[in-house]
């Protein structure tokens, strides 16, 4: 699935999710403020707020009024599971179709990568 067709708020959500998964923002870490993240990404603060709201709805962040948003305990593992599921259900079938269409052999691809 080409990322360019994704709405900006989902791209921002994916960047934050990746940072949580890779440990840039571990459990309990304070996420950048909406304004700071928007400035860093060159995005509209309302768009960033929409991305952050997705994390709230999924219970991946805890909001402390007047302080900020903190990564909830277990958020990285929960995100990792959902990202794996999304990859296997949506992205992997498209990758397999492309591999087949191009006449590539998975064993050759793996040998080249390793």
Protein backbone atom coordinates (compact mmCIF):
# COMPACT_ATOMS: atom_id res chain seq x y z
CA UNK A 1 0.00 0.00 0.00
CA UNK A 2 1.66 3.25 -1.06
CA UNK A 3 2.13 5.56 1.89
CA UNK A 4 1.70 8.65 -0.29
CA UNK A 5 -2.02 7.92 -0.60
CA UNK A 6 -2.38 7.96 3.20
CA UNK A 7 -3.85 11.06 4.88
CA UNK A 8 -1.23 13.17 6.66
CA UNK A 9 -2.63 12.46 10.14
CA UNK A 10 -2.17 8.72 9.54
CA UNK A 11 1.41 9.25 8.34
CA UNK A 12 2.10 11.20 11.52
CA UNK A 13 0.44 8.50 13.58
CA UNK A 14 2.67 5.90 11.93
CA UNK A 15 5.80 7.94 12.73
CA UNK A 16 4.84 8.20 16.38
CA UNK A 17 3.88 4.51 16.51
CA UNK A 18 7.26 3.54 15.06
CA UNK A 19 9.01 5.69 17.67
CA UNK A 20 7.04 3.98 20.44
CA UNK A 21 7.77 0.52 19.05
CA UNK A 22 11.50 1.18 18.62
CA UNK A 23 11.81 2.60 22.13
CA UNK A 24 12.35 6.25 21.30
CA UNK A 25 9.29 6.84 23.49
CA UNK A 26 9.22 4.01 26.06
CA UNK A 27 6.42 3.32 28.55
CA UNK A 28 5.84 6.42 30.65
CA UNK A 29 7.69 8.77 28.29
CA UNK A 30 6.28 12.20 27.61
CA UNK A 31 5.35 12.65 23.95
CA UNK A 32 6.23 15.97 22.30
CA UNK A 33 3.49 18.56 22.61
CA UNK A 34 1.15 18.91 19.66
CA UNK A 35 2.73 22.25 18.75
CA UNK A 36 6.31 20.98 19.08
CA UNK A 37 5.62 17.88 16.98
CA UNK A 38 3.74 19.94 14.39
CA UNK A 39 6.67 22.37 14.09
CA UNK A 40 9.15 19.48 13.84
CA UNK A 41 7.14 17.76 11.11
CA UNK A 42 6.03 20.89 9.26
CA UNK A 43 2.42 19.94 9.88
CA UNK A 44 -0.69 21.74 11.01
CA UNK A 45 -1.23 21.40 14.80
CA UNK A 46 -4.84 20.31 14.18
CA UNK A 47 -3.55 17.44 12.03
CA UNK A 48 -1.13 16.39 14.76
CA UNK A 49 -3.93 16.62 17.34
CA UNK A 50 -5.99 14.25 15.19
CA UNK A 51 -3.09 11.76 15.10
CA UNK A 52 -2.64 12.02 18.87
CA UNK A 53 -6.36 11.52 19.38
CA UNK A 54 -6.08 8.10 17.70
CA UNK A 55 -3.59 7.07 20.39
CA UNK A 56 -5.96 8.27 23.10
CA UNK A 57 -8.87 6.34 21.62
CA UNK A 58 -6.73 3.18 21.47
CA UNK A 59 -5.57 3.61 25.07
CA UNK A 60 -1.93 3.92 24.02
CA UNK A 61 -1.34 7.23 25.78
CA UNK A 62 -2.39 8.70 29.09
CA UNK A 63 -3.23 12.38 29.28
CA UNK A 64 -2.28 14.41 32.31
CA UNK A 65 -4.16 17.66 32.02
CA UNK A 66 -1.81 20.61 31.94
CA UNK A 67 1.25 18.35 31.67
CA UNK A 68 0.97 16.36 28.45
CA UNK A 69 0.58 12.91 26.95
CA UNK A 70 2.53 9.95 28.24
CA UNK A 71 3.04 6.57 26.60
CA UNK A 72 0.83 4.04 28.39
CA UNK A 73 2.28 0.88 29.88
CA UNK A 74 2.38 -1.89 27.26
CA UNK A 75 1.79 0.50 24.34
CA UNK A 76 4.80 -0.74 22.36
CA UNK A 77 3.70 -4.37 22.51
CA UNK A 78 0.10 -3.49 21.69
CA UNK A 79 1.28 -1.43 18.70
CA UNK A 80 3.68 -4.17 17.59
CA UNK A 81 0.83 -6.71 17.57
CA UNK A 82 -1.52 -4.42 15.64
CA UNK A 83 1.21 -3.43 13.16
CA UNK A 84 2.07 -7.11 12.57
CA UNK A 85 -1.60 -7.89 12.01
CA UNK A 86 -1.97 -4.97 9.58
CA UNK A 87 1.19 -6.04 7.73
CA UNK A 88 0.10 -9.67 7.40
CA UNK A 89 -3.48 -8.86 6.39
CA UNK A 90 -2.95 -5.87 4.11
CA UNK A 91 0.65 -5.33 3.05
CA UNK A 92 2.00 -8.90 2.81
CA UNK A 93 -0.61 -10.17 0.31
CA UNK A 94 0.21 -7.23 -1.99
CA UNK A 95 3.94 -7.92 -1.63
CA UNK A 96 3.37 -11.60 -2.47
CA UNK A 97 1.36 -10.68 -5.56
CA UNK A 98 4.12 -8.34 -6.71
CA UNK A 99 6.81 -10.97 -6.12
CA UNK A 100 4.81 -13.44 -8.20
CA UNK A 101 4.04 -10.91 -10.93
CA UNK A 102 7.74 -10.04 -11.25
CA UNK A 103 8.77 -13.69 -11.38
CA UNK A 104 10.93 -13.40 -8.28
CA UNK A 105 11.72 -16.35 -6.06
CA UNK A 106 11.39 -15.77 -2.29
CA UNK A 107 14.49 -17.88 -1.55
CA UNK A 108 16.57 -15.65 -3.82
CA UNK A 109 15.22 -12.53 -2.17
CA UNK A 110 16.04 -13.83 1.29
CA UNK A 111 19.55 -14.90 0.23
CA UNK A 112 20.17 -11.45 -1.24
CA UNK A 113 19.00 -9.68 1.93
CA UNK A 114 21.07 -11.87 4.26
